[in-house]
Amino acid sequence: MTTQNPAVRTAALALAPFTAAALALAPSPALAHDVLTGSTPEDGETLEAAPEEVVLTFNNEPLETGDGNAVSVTGPDEETTYETGDLVFDGNEVSTELEPLDQAGDYTIGFRVVSSDGHPIQESLTFTVPEEAVADAAPEEEPEAGEDAQEEDTGDAAEDTATEEAADEGGISGTTVGIIVAVAVVALAAVVLVAVRVRKSTQ
């Protein structure tokens, strides 16, 4: 059995406190905070259709706190905002619905979300909506009720006029028929009267 050198053992015992202190003070690996791993729309993306919502995806589930979380979507004029309603937390995702995007250009998504370890995650993203996408998303204008009634009345009047014109062109009106009948009766009466007189004169 090998016997440890007393001098070595004494030196090791003397250095033990310093070794422990050095290990305690040594820098430990930095704890990684939660991060954004993706988004819809993606950062820098040019869209073919205007989005109806924004979805942010993180590597861990964010903390759903009322005051610490916020998402805003600002239009190209840097004044109009389009987010609407409360934030929706679904696992690692945070989303918000959008009002119809009515401007063509670059939109900015600004967000502040409390990560799972309590630290805030704050960042901004951008996406682009072309004019074609804005035009496709614009709601169609419905005619007012007064305009519908006016168009219906105009259509009925035109139909009545067309019917009268067709009657005039395609046949004889009732008034004309009455005049013809009256003339025929008078003519017949004249013929009978002449015949009676001629008969009397021959007797």
Protein backbone atom coordinates (compact mmCIF):
# COMPACT_ATOMS: atom_id res chain seq x y z
CA MET A 1 0.00 0.00 0.00
CA THR A 2 1.43 3.38 -1.01
CA THR A 3 1.66 5.97 1.74
CA GLN A 4 0.98 9.60 0.70
CA ASN A 5 3.85 11.98 1.29
CA PRO A 6 3.02 14.08 4.37
CA ALA A 7 4.30 17.20 2.67
CA VAL A 8 2.02 16.72 -0.34
CA ARG A 9 -0.94 16.04 1.91
CA THR A 10 -0.28 19.15 3.93
CA ALA A 11 0.00 21.29 0.79
CA ALA A 12 -3.28 19.91 -0.61
CA LEU A 13 -5.12 20.67 2.60
CA ALA A 14 -3.70 24.18 2.61
CA LEU A 15 -4.81 24.84 -0.99
CA ALA A 16 -8.31 23.35 -0.61
CA PRO A 17 -10.03 26.57 0.61
CA PHE A 18 -8.52 28.56 -2.25
CA THR A 19 -9.60 25.96 -4.81
CA ALA A 20 -13.19 26.02 -3.52
CA ALA A 21 -13.26 29.82 -3.61
CA ALA A 22 -11.90 29.85 -7.16
CA LEU A 23 -14.60 27.42 -8.30
CA ALA A 24 -17.33 29.47 -6.62
CA LEU A 25 -16.14 32.71 -8.21
CA ALA A 26 -15.59 31.23 -11.67
CA PRO A 27 -18.08 32.65 -14.22
CA SER A 28 -20.89 30.18 -14.94
CA PRO A 29 -22.38 29.86 -18.44
CA ALA A 30 -24.89 32.67 -19.11
CA LEU A 31 -28.50 31.67 -18.77
CA ALA A 32 -30.20 32.01 -22.17
CA HIS A 33 -33.36 34.12 -22.20
CA ASP A 34 -36.38 33.33 -24.33
CA VAL A 35 -36.24 34.58 -27.93
CA LEU A 36 -38.52 35.09 -30.89
CA THR A 37 -38.19 32.14 -33.28
CA GLY A 38 -40.64 33.15 -36.02
CA SER A 39 -43.56 35.33 -37.03
CA THR A 40 -46.47 35.55 -39.44
CA PRO A 41 -45.92 37.68 -41.48
CA GLU A 42 -42.18 37.04 -41.48
CA ASP A 43 -39.75 39.86 -40.89
CA GLY A 44 -39.04 41.66 -44.20
CA GLU A 45 -41.66 39.68 -46.14
CA THR A 46 -43.59 41.20 -49.08
CA LEU A 47 -47.10 39.77 -49.01
CA GLU A 48 -49.44 38.87 -51.85
CA ALA A 49 -52.50 39.37 -49.62
CA ALA A 50 -53.12 41.67 -46.68
CA PRO A 51 -52.92 39.68 -43.39
CA GLU A 52 -55.84 39.50 -40.98
CA GLU A 53 -53.68 38.79 -37.92
CA VAL A 54 -50.11 38.83 -36.61
CA VAL A 55 -48.65 35.74 -34.91
CA LEU A 56 -45.39 35.76 -32.92
CA THR A 57 -43.68 32.47 -32.02
CA PHE A 58 -41.17 32.04 -29.16
CA ASN A 59 -38.94 29.18 -28.02
CA ASN A 60 -40.81 28.98 -24.70
CA GLU A 61 -44.28 29.93 -23.51
CA PRO A 62 -44.46 33.64 -22.63
CA LEU A 63 -46.07 34.75 -19.38
CA GLU A 64 -49.60 36.00 -19.89
CA THR A 65 -49.54 39.19 -17.84
CA GLY A 66 -51.92 42.07 -18.41
CA ASP A 67 -49.46 44.99 -18.25
CA GLY A 68 -46.21 43.54 -19.56
CA ASN A 69 -47.36 42.32 -22.99
CA ALA A 70 -48.23 44.48 -25.98
CA VAL A 71 -48.24 44.18 -29.77
CA SER A 72 -48.77 47.10 -32.16
CA VAL A 73 -48.94 47.20 -35.95
CA THR A 74 -48.25 50.63 -37.46
CA GLY A 75 -49.00 51.59 -41.06
CA PRO A 76 -46.73 53.23 -43.64
CA ASP A 77 -47.81 56.69 -42.42
CA GLU A 78 -46.18 55.79 -39.05
CA GLU A 79 -49.32 56.97 -37.24
CA THR A 80 -52.24 54.62 -37.95
CA THR A 81 -52.34 51.42 -35.90
CA TYR A 82 -54.27 48.31 -36.95
CA GLU A 83 -54.18 45.86 -34.03
CA THR A 84 -57.56 45.16 -32.51
CA GLY A 85 -58.80 43.20 -29.52
CA ASP A 86 -56.82 41.48 -26.78
CA LEU A 87 -53.68 39.42 -27.26
CA VAL A 88 -54.26 35.68 -27.62
CA PHE A 89 -51.77 33.32 -25.92
CA ASP A 90 -51.61 29.79 -27.32
CA GLY A 91 -48.61 27.80 -26.14
CA ASN A 92 -45.48 29.42 -27.58
CA GLU A 93 -47.53 31.80 -29.77
CA VAL A 94 -48.92 35.26 -29.16
CA SER A 95 -51.32 36.71 -31.74
CA THR A 96 -53.54 39.71 -32.37
CA GLU A 97 -56.19 40.34 -35.03
CA LEU A 98 -55.89 43.26 -37.46
CA GLU A 99 -58.31 45.74 -38.94
CA PRO A 100 -58.32 45.83 -42.78
CA LEU A 101 -54.99 47.22 -44.01
CA ASP A 102 -55.86 50.19 -46.23
CA GLN A 103 -52.38 51.54 -47.05
CA ALA A 104 -49.77 50.19 -49.42
CA GLY A 105 -46.20 50.15 -48.14
CA ASP A 106 -44.15 49.02 -45.14
CA TYR A 107 -45.83 48.06 -41.87
CA THR A 108 -44.05 47.78 -38.52
CA ILE A 109 -44.79 45.17 -35.85
CA GLY A 110 -43.62 46.35 -32.45
CA PHE A 111 -43.94 43.97 -29.50
CA ARG A 112 -43.04 43.62 -25.85
CA VAL A 113 -43.65 40.17 -24.36
CA VAL A 114 -42.71 38.83 -20.91
CA SER A 115 -40.69 35.64 -21.36
CA SER A 116 -41.06 32.50 -19.26
CA ASP A 117 -38.23 33.62 -16.94
CA GLY A 118 -39.84 37.01 -16.34
CA HIS A 119 -37.53 39.03 -18.60
CA PRO A 120 -39.19 41.23 -21.27
CA ILE A 121 -38.56 40.50 -24.92
CA GLN A 122 -38.82 43.67 -27.00
CA GLU A 123 -38.27 43.88 -30.75
CA SER A 124 -39.69 45.25 -34.01
CA LEU A 125 -40.35 43.57 -37.36
CA THR A 126 -41.50 44.83 -40.76
CA PHE A 127 -43.56 43.53 -43.67
CA THR A 128 -44.71 45.07 -46.95
CA VAL A 129 -48.21 45.15 -48.46
CA PRO A 130 -48.35 46.12 -52.19
CA GLU A 131 -51.15 48.18 -53.73
CA GLU A 132 -52.73 45.12 -55.37
CA ALA A 133 -53.16 43.41 -52.00
CA VAL A 134 -54.72 46.53 -50.47
CA ALA A 135 -57.16 46.83 -53.40
CA ASP A 136 -58.17 43.16 -53.09
CA ALA A 137 -58.79 43.54 -49.34
CA ALA A 138 -60.92 46.71 -49.69
CA PRO A 139 -64.60 46.04 -48.86
CA GLU A 140 -67.06 46.46 -51.72
CA GLU A 141 -69.32 49.51 -51.47
CA GLU A 142 -73.02 48.64 -51.26
CA PRO A 143 -75.53 51.05 -52.85
CA GLU A 144 -77.73 52.96 -50.44
CA ALA A 145 -81.39 52.02 -50.03
CA GLY A 146 -82.57 55.26 -51.67
CA GLU A 147 -80.47 54.60 -54.73
CA ASP A 148 -81.94 51.09 -55.07
CA ALA A 149 -85.52 52.44 -54.89
CA GLN A 150 -84.78 55.17 -57.42
CA GLU A 151 -83.24 52.67 -59.84
CA GLU A 152 -86.25 50.34 -59.42
CA ASP A 153 -88.74 53.16 -60.09
CA THR A 154 -86.77 54.25 -63.15
CA GLY A 155 -86.76 50.69 -64.42
CA ASP A 156 -90.54 50.30 -63.95
CA ALA A 157 -91.25 53.58 -65.77
CA ALA A 158 -89.03 52.57 -68.67
CA GLU A 159 -90.79 49.20 -68.88
CA ASP A 160 -94.24 50.86 -68.98
CA THR A 161 -93.11 53.27 -71.71
CA ALA A 162 -91.70 50.41 -73.76
CA THR A 163 -94.99 48.49 -73.42
CA GLU A 164 -97.03 51.46 -74.65
CA GLU A 165 -94.69 52.02 -77.58
CA ALA A 166 -94.91 48.35 -78.53
CA ALA A 167 -98.71 48.52 -78.48
CA ASP A 168 -98.68 51.58 -80.71
CA GLU A 169 -96.30 49.98 -83.17
CA GLY A 170 -97.73 46.46 -83.17
CA GLY A 171 -101.53 47.15 -83.45
CA ILE A 172 -104.48 49.57 -83.47
CA SER A 173 -105.37 51.31 -80.26
CA GLY A 174 -108.85 51.12 -78.70
CA THR A 175 -109.69 54.72 -79.62
CA THR A 176 -108.94 54.10 -83.29
CA VAL A 177 -111.15 51.01 -83.32
CA GLY A 178 -114.02 53.00 -81.84
CA ILE A 179 -113.76 55.69 -84.51
CA ILE A 180 -113.73 53.07 -87.28
CA VAL A 181 -116.86 51.39 -85.90
CA ALA A 182 -118.69 54.72 -85.65
CA VAL A 183 -117.83 55.65 -89.23
CA ALA A 184 -119.01 52.22 -90.44
CA VAL A 185 -122.37 52.60 -88.67
CA VAL A 186 -122.94 56.05 -90.18
CA ALA A 187 -122.05 54.77 -93.65
CA LEU A 188 -124.39 51.81 -93.31
CA ALA A 189 -127.22 54.08 -92.22
CA ALA A 190 -126.65 56.33 -95.22
CA VAL A 191 -126.77 53.35 -97.58
CA VAL A 192 -130.06 52.14 -96.09
CA LEU A 193 -131.58 55.63 -96.33
CA VAL A 194 -130.60 55.97 -99.99
CA ALA A 195 -132.04 52.55 -100.80
CA VAL A 196 -135.38 53.43 -99.17
CA ARG A 197 -135.66 56.67 -101.10
CA VAL A 198 -134.83 55.02 -104.39
CA ARG A 199 -137.50 52.38 -103.76
CA LYS A 200 -140.15 55.00 -103.02
CA SER A 201 -139.31 57.00 -106.12
CA THR A 202 -139.76 53.98 -108.37
CA GLN A 203 -143.24 53.13 -107.09
